[in-house]
Amino acid sequence: MNTISLEKYRTELEKLDLIKYTGYVSQVIGLTIESVGPAVKIGEICRIYTLKGQTPILAEVVGFKEKKVLLMPLGEMEGIGPGSKVEALGSTLEVKVGEQLLGRVLDGLGNPIDGKGPLDTNKAYPVVASPPNPLLRAKIEEPLSLGVKAIDGLLTCGNGQRIGIFAGSGVGKSTLLGMIARNTQADINVIALIGERGREVREFIENDLQEDGLKRSVLIVATSDQPALIRNKGALLATSIAEYFRDQGKNVILMMDSLTRFSMAQREVGLAIGEPPVTRGYTPSVFASLPKLLERSGTSDKGSITGLYTVLVDGDDMNEPIADTVRGILDGHIVLSRKIANKNHYPAIDVSASVSRVMPNIVSKEHVEKSNTIKELLSTYNSSEDLINIGAYVKGTNKKIDEAINKIDDINEFLKQDQQEKTEFSDVFDAMEQIVFQEG
């Protein structure tokens, strides 16, 4: 019995690296800390001891310049000065994972901030990981109900699909995410609020997510006042948590609000270490990091991560650099329109400008036909709306326009949905059938 007990300790001792690699801070420029030594690699975590004897600060190695190590802090830099000791920890950032995460709210480094105590788990996943082997990814064949009529009916999402939600500020992105989190058929929600205002976090939890949504959700929060590296890591860390639940065979929904603020945080990091700005101030590393992040979600040979990523578009410009890049990576996009929101029509989804690339492969032929018919009616009415509103259109001139006028109220009623309203996938199909076959 004693032999077995000692063997356990011997194994643990063999794992220990008793050599500490250290260096010292030489200067601090903006967001970047330069140090002489230690011997480290990109992505490694270091501990910096403050001159005032406060709690050491964690920092990540982000680059090298001549013989200097460039670090960015995972916290505030108060107390750091020339000569502060830098100690290499020999590891990269990890996040604790387990079923205990459900119902919890974490910060951008994976530490609980909800006052419910520490996480009781020893299992950890690396924050930076590689996407699944493309040949081991399961095909997207099953629809996933998100509980929003306009999406389930006309922009059907597949289990393991990745969709972007494109919108300007104040058009209802957070409200839509809250509806999906409460209504979806997925097993688990992982929600990352990246670069949001601190005020919005509690509002999202209590008003949008609510108790029903929180029970099967994990929230990762990195507010706008946090250092750029923490906002950046918050997005990667949320993806790692989603990967853990996917590896358990679960169907996970990963919601990230927003990819734009993740990109802005990456831009801050890139500019701080000397990268040149290339497109509207964004650095090359931004466009390299987006596919690395987005490709980690999707299907694997064990489970699936359905990704919903919001993109905040400047001045409602859908062709700005981040929106354009993201649209080319994802499997579909949902556009929220300010014009539709101004009519008090929520969710303000512009169906004509949105698309689900996997929809034809996951729903029946009849569903696709009815969806296309409704989209055509909507498009016909929208193109003639000005003529109709000023009374210039004469009924009977065009059969398609006549049918669109007769059915537009029913279509808009179908597309509208109260925040608390929950719909079943089968009911959505029946409602579409009723619109298509009613007398025009």
Protein backbone atom coordinates (compact mmCIF):
# COMPACT_ATOMS: atom_id res chain seq x y z
CA MET A 1 0.00 0.00 0.00
CA ASN A 2 2.86 2.37 0.92
CA THR A 3 4.66 1.49 -2.32
CA ILE A 4 1.64 2.51 -4.40
CA SER A 5 1.32 5.77 -2.45
CA LEU A 6 5.00 6.68 -2.94
CA GLU A 7 4.85 5.81 -6.63
CA LYS A 8 2.13 8.43 -7.08
CA TYR A 9 4.36 11.13 -5.56
CA ARG A 10 7.36 10.00 -7.60
CA THR A 11 5.32 10.37 -10.82
CA GLU A 12 4.29 13.89 -9.83
CA LEU A 13 7.89 14.84 -9.00
CA GLU A 14 9.09 13.67 -12.40
CA LYS A 15 6.61 16.04 -14.03
CA LEU A 16 8.00 19.04 -12.17
CA ASP A 17 10.46 21.39 -13.83
CA LEU A 18 12.55 22.68 -10.94
CA ILE A 19 14.51 25.15 -13.09
CA LYS A 20 13.02 28.66 -13.12
CA TYR A 21 13.74 30.86 -16.14
CA THR A 22 13.71 34.54 -15.20
CA GLY A 23 14.42 37.94 -16.70
CA TYR A 24 13.69 41.57 -15.85
CA VAL A 25 11.59 44.39 -17.28
CA SER A 26 13.66 46.88 -19.27
CA GLN A 27 10.90 49.25 -20.41
CA VAL A 28 7.15 49.67 -20.87
CA ILE A 29 5.85 51.32 -24.06
CA GLY A 30 2.09 51.77 -24.31
CA LEU A 31 0.47 48.33 -23.93
CA THR A 32 3.76 46.44 -24.37
CA ILE A 33 6.22 45.32 -21.71
CA GLU A 34 9.78 44.70 -22.89
CA SER A 35 12.03 42.43 -20.86
CA VAL A 36 15.56 41.09 -21.03
CA GLY A 37 14.95 37.33 -20.86
CA PRO A 38 13.70 34.85 -19.87
CA ALA A 39 14.03 32.02 -22.42
CA VAL A 40 10.44 31.69 -23.65
CA LYS A 41 8.33 30.92 -26.70
CA ILE A 42 5.38 32.74 -28.33
CA GLY A 43 2.17 32.28 -26.33
CA GLU A 44 3.94 31.31 -23.09
CA ILE A 45 2.63 32.80 -19.85
CA CYS A 46 4.97 34.72 -17.55
CA ARG A 47 4.57 36.10 -14.05
CA ILE A 48 5.76 39.68 -13.49
CA TYR A 49 6.52 40.71 -9.91
CA THR A 50 5.65 44.33 -9.12
CA LEU A 51 8.07 46.69 -7.41
CA LYS A 52 5.51 47.44 -4.70
CA GLY A 53 5.21 43.80 -3.64
CA GLN A 54 1.60 43.49 -4.84
CA THR A 55 0.10 40.35 -6.36
CA PRO A 56 2.21 39.29 -9.40
CA ILE A 57 0.71 40.07 -12.81
CA LEU A 58 0.32 37.47 -15.54
CA ALA A 59 1.48 38.37 -19.04
CA GLU A 60 1.72 36.56 -22.36
CA VAL A 61 4.66 36.51 -24.74
CA VAL A 62 3.44 38.14 -27.96
CA GLY A 63 6.71 38.70 -29.84
CA PHE A 64 10.43 39.37 -29.85
CA LYS A 65 12.36 42.48 -30.85
CA GLU A 66 16.12 42.17 -31.31
CA LYS A 67 17.13 40.55 -27.99
CA LYS A 68 14.06 41.71 -26.06
CA VAL A 69 10.95 39.72 -25.14
CA LEU A 70 7.64 41.50 -25.82
CA LEU A 71 4.86 40.78 -23.35
CA MET A 72 1.29 41.99 -22.94
CA PRO A 73 -0.37 41.92 -19.52
CA LEU A 74 -3.41 39.84 -18.65
CA GLY A 75 -4.47 42.56 -16.23
CA GLU A 76 -3.54 46.08 -15.20
CA MET A 77 0.14 47.14 -15.31
CA GLU A 78 0.12 49.10 -12.06
CA GLY A 79 3.30 48.52 -10.03
CA ILE A 80 5.46 47.31 -12.93
CA GLY A 81 8.70 49.21 -13.45
CA PRO A 82 12.27 48.83 -14.74
CA GLY A 83 13.88 45.84 -13.08
CA SER A 84 10.63 44.03 -12.20
CA LYS A 85 11.31 40.30 -12.17
CA VAL A 86 9.81 38.27 -15.04
CA GLU A 87 9.37 34.55 -14.40
CA ALA A 88 8.49 32.07 -17.18
CA LEU A 89 5.82 29.56 -16.15
CA GLY A 90 6.59 27.16 -19.00
CA SER A 91 2.93 26.80 -20.03
CA THR A 92 0.31 28.46 -22.19
CA LEU A 93 -3.08 29.71 -21.02
CA GLU A 94 -5.61 27.03 -20.05
CA VAL A 95 -9.23 27.08 -18.89
CA LYS A 96 -10.87 24.78 -16.34
CA VAL A 97 -13.66 22.70 -17.88
CA GLY A 98 -16.39 20.40 -16.60
CA GLU A 99 -20.16 20.13 -16.03
CA GLN A 100 -19.69 22.55 -13.12
CA LEU A 101 -19.41 25.39 -15.66
CA LEU A 102 -23.15 25.30 -16.43
CA GLY A 103 -24.95 28.31 -15.00
CA ARG A 104 -21.68 30.12 -14.26
CA VAL A 105 -20.31 33.49 -15.37
CA LEU A 106 -16.55 33.70 -16.02
CA ASP A 107 -14.17 36.50 -16.91
CA GLY A 108 -11.92 36.55 -19.98
CA LEU A 109 -9.35 34.30 -18.22
CA GLY A 110 -11.87 31.73 -17.02
CA ASN A 111 -12.16 32.93 -13.41
CA PRO A 112 -15.67 32.96 -11.87
CA ILE A 113 -17.12 36.44 -11.32
CA ASP A 114 -20.65 35.47 -10.23
CA GLY A 115 -19.93 35.07 -6.51
CA LYS A 116 -20.83 31.36 -6.53
CA GLY A 117 -17.39 30.20 -5.41
CA PRO A 118 -14.46 28.57 -7.24
CA LEU A 119 -14.86 25.93 -9.95
CA ASP A 120 -14.59 22.44 -8.50
CA THR A 121 -12.78 20.76 -11.39
CA ASN A 122 -9.19 19.81 -12.18
CA LYS A 123 -9.67 19.19 -15.90
CA ALA A 124 -8.30 21.90 -18.21
CA TYR A 125 -8.30 22.63 -21.95
CA PRO A 126 -5.76 24.84 -23.79
CA VAL A 127 -7.17 28.22 -24.82
CA VAL A 128 -5.44 28.07 -28.22
CA ALA A 129 -6.20 24.88 -30.17
CA SER A 130 -6.31 23.58 -33.72
CA PRO A 131 -9.57 23.04 -35.67
CA PRO A 132 -10.75 19.43 -36.23
CA ASN A 133 -9.31 17.50 -39.15
CA PRO A 134 -11.53 18.46 -42.12
CA LEU A 135 -11.85 14.80 -43.16
CA LEU A 136 -13.14 13.87 -39.69
CA ARG A 137 -15.87 16.50 -39.65
CA ALA A 138 -19.36 15.02 -39.80
CA LYS A 139 -21.60 16.34 -42.61
CA ILE A 140 -24.26 18.85 -41.60
CA GLU A 141 -27.47 16.90 -42.23
CA GLU A 142 -29.84 17.74 -39.37
CA PRO A 143 -31.70 21.05 -38.91
CA LEU A 144 -31.36 22.74 -35.53
CA SER A 145 -34.38 24.70 -34.34
CA LEU A 146 -33.35 28.07 -32.88
CA GLY A 147 -36.89 28.89 -31.78
CA VAL A 148 -37.13 31.99 -34.01
CA LYS A 149 -39.75 31.64 -36.79
CA ALA A 150 -38.00 33.78 -39.38
CA ILE A 151 -34.77 31.78 -39.03
CA ASP A 152 -36.28 28.30 -38.68
CA GLY A 153 -38.61 28.86 -41.62
CA LEU A 154 -36.64 30.87 -44.18
CA LEU A 155 -32.99 30.62 -43.04
CA THR A 156 -32.92 27.16 -41.47
CA CYS A 157 -29.78 26.52 -39.43
CA GLY A 158 -28.06 23.13 -39.44
CA ASN A 159 -26.59 21.34 -36.45
CA GLY A 160 -22.92 22.40 -36.59
CA GLN A 161 -23.38 25.33 -38.98
CA ARG A 162 -21.63 28.68 -38.43
CA ILE A 163 -23.68 31.81 -39.06
CA GLY A 164 -22.87 35.51 -38.78
CA ILE A 165 -25.42 38.02 -37.45
CA PHE A 166 -24.60 41.35 -39.13
CA ALA A 167 -26.05 44.58 -37.74
CA GLY A 168 -25.38 48.14 -36.72
CA SER A 169 -25.61 49.21 -33.09
CA GLY A 170 -28.99 49.10 -31.35
CA VAL A 171 -30.83 46.94 -33.90
CA GLY A 172 -31.51 43.98 -31.58
CA LYS A 173 -28.51 41.62 -31.77
CA SER A 174 -28.41 40.89 -28.02
CA THR A 175 -32.18 40.41 -27.82
CA LEU A 176 -32.05 37.92 -30.72
CA LEU A 177 -29.22 35.99 -29.05
CA GLY A 178 -31.22 35.85 -25.81
CA MET A 179 -34.26 34.47 -27.63
CA ILE A 180 -32.14 31.77 -29.28
CA ALA A 181 -30.42 30.85 -25.99
CA ARG A 182 -33.81 30.29 -24.30
CA ASN A 183 -35.61 28.59 -27.20
CA THR A 184 -33.01 26.45 -28.98
CA GLN A 185 -33.00 22.66 -29.01
CA ALA A 186 -29.21 22.53 -28.45
CA ASP A 187 -27.93 20.82 -25.30
CA ILE A 188 -25.67 23.64 -24.06
CA ASN A 189 -25.11 27.35 -24.76
CA VAL A 190 -21.68 28.92 -24.49
CA ILE A 191 -22.06 32.70 -24.67
CA ALA A 192 -19.11 35.07 -25.03
CA LEU A 193 -19.69 38.79 -24.49
CA ILE A 194 -16.52 40.35 -25.88
CA GLY A 195 -15.91 44.09 -25.54
CA GLU A 196 -19.44 44.82 -24.31
CA ARG A 197 -20.34 47.67 -21.97
CA GLY A 198 -20.31 46.58 -18.32
CA ARG A 199 -23.92 47.76 -17.95
CA GLU A 200 -25.12 45.41 -20.68
CA VAL A 201 -23.85 42.22 -19.05
CA ARG A 202 -26.34 42.08 -16.19
CA GLU A 203 -29.11 43.33 -18.48
CA PHE A 204 -28.37 40.51 -20.92
CA ILE A 205 -28.42 37.88 -18.15
CA GLU A 206 -31.61 39.10 -16.47
CA ASN A 207 -33.63 40.48 -19.41
CA ASP A 208 -32.50 38.52 -22.47
CA LEU A 209 -31.09 35.20 -21.19
CA GLN A 210 -33.23 34.87 -18.03
CA GLU A 211 -33.14 31.98 -15.57
CA ASP A 212 -34.24 29.31 -18.07
CA GLY A 213 -31.45 30.21 -20.47
CA LEU A 214 -28.77 30.54 -17.77
CA LYS A 215 -29.32 27.01 -16.41
CA ARG A 216 -27.83 25.41 -19.52
CA SER A 217 -25.41 28.18 -20.40
CA VAL A 218 -21.84 29.21 -19.67
CA LEU A 219 -21.13 32.96 -19.92
CA ILE A 220 -17.69 34.39 -20.63
CA VAL A 221 -17.49 38.15 -20.11
CA ALA A 222 -14.62 40.43 -21.18
CA THR A 223 -15.92 43.99 -21.00
CA SER A 224 -14.63 46.93 -23.02
CA ASP A 225 -12.52 48.26 -20.12
CA GLN A 226 -10.45 45.06 -19.97
CA PRO A 227 -6.97 44.97 -21.59
CA ALA A 228 -6.98 44.03 -25.28
CA LEU A 229 -5.34 40.66 -24.62
CA ILE A 230 -8.09 39.63 -22.17
CA ARG A 231 -10.79 40.53 -24.71
CA ASN A 232 -8.88 38.52 -27.29
CA LYS A 233 -8.45 35.53 -24.97
CA GLY A 234 -12.10 35.66 -23.91
CA ALA A 235 -13.18 34.67 -27.43
CA LEU A 236 -10.60 31.87 -27.65
CA LEU A 237 -11.43 30.64 -24.15
CA ALA A 238 -15.18 30.47 -24.92
CA THR A 239 -14.38 28.38 -27.99
CA SER A 240 -12.27 26.00 -25.84
CA ILE A 241 -15.18 25.51 -23.41
CA ALA A 242 -17.49 24.78 -26.36
CA GLU A 243 -14.91 22.28 -27.68
CA TYR A 244 -14.89 20.47 -24.32
CA PHE A 245 -18.67 19.97 -24.38
CA ARG A 246 -18.49 18.95 -28.07
CA ASP A 247 -15.90 16.30 -27.14
CA GLN A 248 -18.45 14.91 -24.65
CA GLY A 249 -20.78 14.27 -27.61
CA LYS A 250 -23.03 17.29 -26.93
CA ASN A 251 -24.68 19.59 -29.44
CA VAL A 252 -23.42 23.03 -28.41
CA ILE A 253 -24.40 26.53 -29.50
CA LEU A 254 -21.53 29.02 -29.28
CA MET A 255 -22.73 32.63 -29.36
CA MET A 256 -20.15 35.40 -29.62
CA ASP A 257 -21.00 39.08 -29.35
CA SER A 258 -19.06 40.41 -31.10
CA LEU A 259 -16.45 39.32 -33.62
CA THR A 260 -15.82 42.97 -34.45
CA ARG A 261 -14.64 43.73 -30.93
CA PHE A 262 -12.47 40.59 -30.94
CA SER A 263 -10.89 41.95 -34.14
CA MET A 264 -10.40 45.37 -32.56
CA ALA A 265 -8.65 43.76 -29.59
CA GLN A 266 -6.38 41.82 -31.98
CA ARG A 267 -5.68 45.07 -33.83
CA GLU A 268 -4.60 46.71 -30.55
CA VAL A 269 -2.23 43.83 -29.84
CA GLY A 270 -0.83 43.91 -33.38
CA LEU A 271 -0.24 47.67 -33.41
CA ALA A 272 1.39 47.53 -29.96
CA ILE A 273 4.05 45.06 -31.14
CA GLY A 274 4.77 46.98 -34.33
CA GLU A 275 2.54 45.44 -37.02
CA PRO A 276 1.67 47.81 -39.87
CA PRO A 277 -2.01 48.73 -40.38
CA VAL A 278 -3.18 47.49 -43.80
CA THR A 279 -6.96 47.88 -44.19
CA ARG A 280 -8.82 50.64 -42.32
CA GLY A 281 -6.27 50.37 -39.54
CA TYR A 282 -6.57 46.58 -39.13
CA THR A 283 -3.28 44.67 -38.99
CA PRO A 284 -2.47 41.46 -40.93
CA SER A 285 -2.77 39.34 -37.77
CA VAL A 286 -6.49 40.25 -37.53
CA PHE A 287 -7.25 38.60 -40.88
CA ALA A 288 -5.06 35.62 -39.94
CA SER A 289 -6.71 35.12 -36.53
CA LEU A 290 -10.34 35.19 -37.74
CA PRO A 291 -10.27 31.90 -39.70
CA LYS A 292 -8.25 30.25 -36.91
CA LEU A 293 -10.99 31.17 -34.43
CA LEU A 294 -14.01 30.46 -36.65
CA GLU A 295 -12.78 27.13 -38.03
CA ARG A 296 -12.59 25.69 -34.49
CA SER A 297 -16.40 25.57 -34.30
CA GLY A 298 -18.58 23.32 -36.47
CA THR A 299 -18.89 19.54 -36.46
CA SER A 300 -16.34 16.97 -35.37
CA ASP A 301 -16.42 13.17 -35.17
CA LYS A 302 -17.82 13.45 -31.59
CA GLY A 303 -20.33 16.30 -31.46
CA SER A 304 -21.09 19.70 -32.91
CA ILE A 305 -20.66 23.40 -32.20
CA THR A 306 -23.22 25.59 -33.94
CA GLY A 307 -21.60 29.02 -34.09
CA LEU A 308 -23.55 32.29 -34.02
CA TYR A 309 -21.21 35.27 -34.33
CA THR A 310 -22.38 38.87 -34.31
CA VAL A 311 -20.60 41.41 -36.48
CA LEU A 312 -21.05 45.09 -35.61
CA VAL A 313 -20.95 46.98 -38.90
CA ASP A 314 -19.86 50.64 -38.91
CA GLY A 315 -22.54 52.92 -40.33
CA ASP A 316 -24.54 49.83 -41.43
CA ASP A 317 -21.85 49.21 -44.08
CA MET A 318 -22.09 45.47 -44.82
CA ASN A 319 -18.92 45.58 -46.93
CA GLU A 320 -16.51 46.92 -44.31
CA PRO A 321 -13.33 44.75 -43.91
CA ILE A 322 -14.32 42.56 -40.94
CA ALA A 323 -17.86 41.92 -42.25
CA ASP A 324 -16.50 41.06 -45.69
CA THR A 325 -13.86 38.68 -44.31
CA VAL A 326 -16.24 36.93 -41.91
CA ARG A 327 -18.94 36.49 -44.57
CA GLY A 328 -16.42 34.59 -46.70
CA ILE A 329 -15.53 32.19 -43.86
CA LEU A 330 -18.94 31.36 -42.37
CA ASP A 331 -21.74 29.11 -43.69
CA GLY A 332 -24.36 31.83 -43.88
CA HIS A 333 -25.33 35.26 -42.63
CA ILE A 334 -28.36 36.91 -41.03
CA VAL A 335 -28.64 40.65 -41.64
CA LEU A 336 -30.52 42.83 -39.16
CA SER A 337 -31.90 45.97 -40.80
CA ARG A 338 -32.24 49.36 -39.11
CA LYS A 339 -34.98 50.24 -41.63
CA ILE A 340 -37.04 47.22 -40.51
CA ALA A 341 -36.34 47.93 -36.81
CA ASN A 342 -37.57 51.51 -37.30
CA LYS A 343 -40.97 50.03 -38.29
CA ASN A 344 -41.08 48.36 -34.85
CA HIS A 345 -40.67 44.98 -36.57
CA TYR A 346 -38.64 42.60 -34.37
CA PRO A 347 -36.55 40.58 -34.82
CA ALA A 348 -35.46 43.01 -37.57
CA ILE A 349 -34.20 40.30 -39.94
CA ASP A 350 -33.79 41.35 -43.57
CA VAL A 351 -34.67 38.00 -45.13
CA SER A 352 -33.83 39.13 -48.67
CA ALA A 353 -30.25 40.03 -47.68
CA SER A 354 -29.70 36.89 -45.55
CA VAL A 355 -28.80 33.34 -46.54
CA SER A 356 -28.21 29.91 -44.99
CA ARG A 357 -25.82 28.00 -47.24
CA VAL A 358 -26.67 24.56 -45.84
CA MET A 359 -30.48 24.96 -45.78
CA PRO A 360 -31.15 23.10 -49.09
CA ASN A 361 -29.28 20.05 -47.71
CA ILE A 362 -31.05 19.76 -44.36
CA VAL A 363 -34.77 20.39 -45.00
CA SER A 364 -37.33 18.81 -47.31
CA LYS A 365 -37.88 19.92 -50.90
CA GLU A 366 -41.35 21.18 -49.92
CA HIS A 367 -39.85 23.35 -47.17
CA VAL A 368 -37.35 24.90 -49.61
CA GLU A 369 -40.11 25.59 -52.16
CA LYS A 370 -42.36 27.30 -49.60
CA SER A 371 -39.42 29.31 -48.28
CA ASN A 372 -38.52 30.47 -51.79
CA THR A 373 -42.14 31.42 -52.51
CA ILE A 374 -42.36 33.59 -49.38
CA LYS A 375 -39.00 35.22 -50.15
CA GLU A 376 -40.14 36.01 -53.71
CA LEU A 377 -43.40 37.55 -52.44
CA LEU A 378 -41.47 39.63 -49.93
CA SER A 379 -38.97 40.78 -52.56
CA THR A 380 -41.76 41.64 -55.02
CA TYR A 381 -43.57 43.76 -52.44
CA ASN A 382 -40.37 45.52 -51.29
CA SER A 383 -39.40 46.45 -54.86
CA SER A 384 -42.84 47.97 -55.49
CA GLU A 385 -43.46 49.39 -52.00
CA ASP A 386 -42.93 53.04 -52.96
CA LEU A 387 -45.43 52.80 -55.83
CA ILE A 388 -47.96 51.07 -53.60
CA ASN A 389 -47.59 53.60 -50.75
CA ILE A 390 -48.17 56.65 -52.95
CA GLY A 391 -51.13 55.00 -54.68
CA ALA A 392 -49.45 54.84 -58.10
CA TYR A 393 -49.95 51.09 -58.48
CA VAL A 394 -53.24 50.01 -60.06
CA LYS A 395 -54.57 46.67 -58.84
CA GLY A 396 -54.66 44.06 -61.61
CA THR A 397 -51.63 45.42 -63.46
CA ASN A 398 -49.31 42.65 -62.23
CA LYS A 399 -50.50 39.32 -60.74
CA LYS A 400 -47.33 38.84 -58.68
CA ILE A 401 -47.62 42.29 -57.09
CA ASP A 402 -51.32 41.68 -56.41
CA GLU A 403 -50.52 38.43 -54.62
CA ALA A 404 -47.69 40.09 -52.65
CA ILE A 405 -50.05 42.91 -51.53
CA ASN A 406 -52.67 40.39 -50.40
CA LYS A 407 -50.20 38.29 -48.42
CA ILE A 408 -47.73 40.88 -47.06
CA ASP A 409 -49.55 41.33 -43.74
CA ASP A 410 -49.52 37.57 -43.09
CA ILE A 411 -45.85 37.34 -44.08
CA ASN A 412 -44.90 40.19 -41.73
CA GLU A 413 -46.95 38.62 -38.95
CA PHE A 414 -45.04 35.38 -39.51
CA LEU A 415 -41.68 37.16 -39.45
CA LYS A 416 -42.45 39.10 -36.26
CA GLN A 417 -41.94 37.40 -32.91
CA ASP A 418 -42.33 38.61 -29.36
CA GLN A 419 -39.26 38.23 -27.15
CA GLN A 420 -41.03 35.73 -24.86
CA GLU A 421 -42.69 33.75 -27.67
CA LYS A 422 -41.44 30.21 -28.31
CA THR A 423 -42.28 28.26 -31.47
CA GLU A 424 -41.88 24.64 -32.51
CA PHE A 425 -40.22 23.70 -35.79
CA SER A 426 -43.32 21.81 -37.04
CA ASP A 427 -45.57 24.82 -36.31
CA VAL A 428 -43.29 27.03 -38.41
CA PHE A 429 -43.72 24.75 -41.44
CA ASP A 430 -47.52 24.74 -40.99
CA ALA A 431 -47.58 28.56 -40.81
CA MET A 432 -45.54 28.81 -44.03
CA GLU A 433 -47.88 26.37 -45.77
CA GLN A 434 -50.89 28.45 -44.74
CA ILE A 435 -49.35 31.62 -46.21
CA VAL A 436 -48.41 29.97 -49.52
CA PHE A 437 -51.73 28.23 -50.12
CA GLN A 438 -54.12 30.94 -48.95
CA GLU A 439 -56.17 32.62 -51.65
CA GLY A 440 -54.13 35.47 -53.22
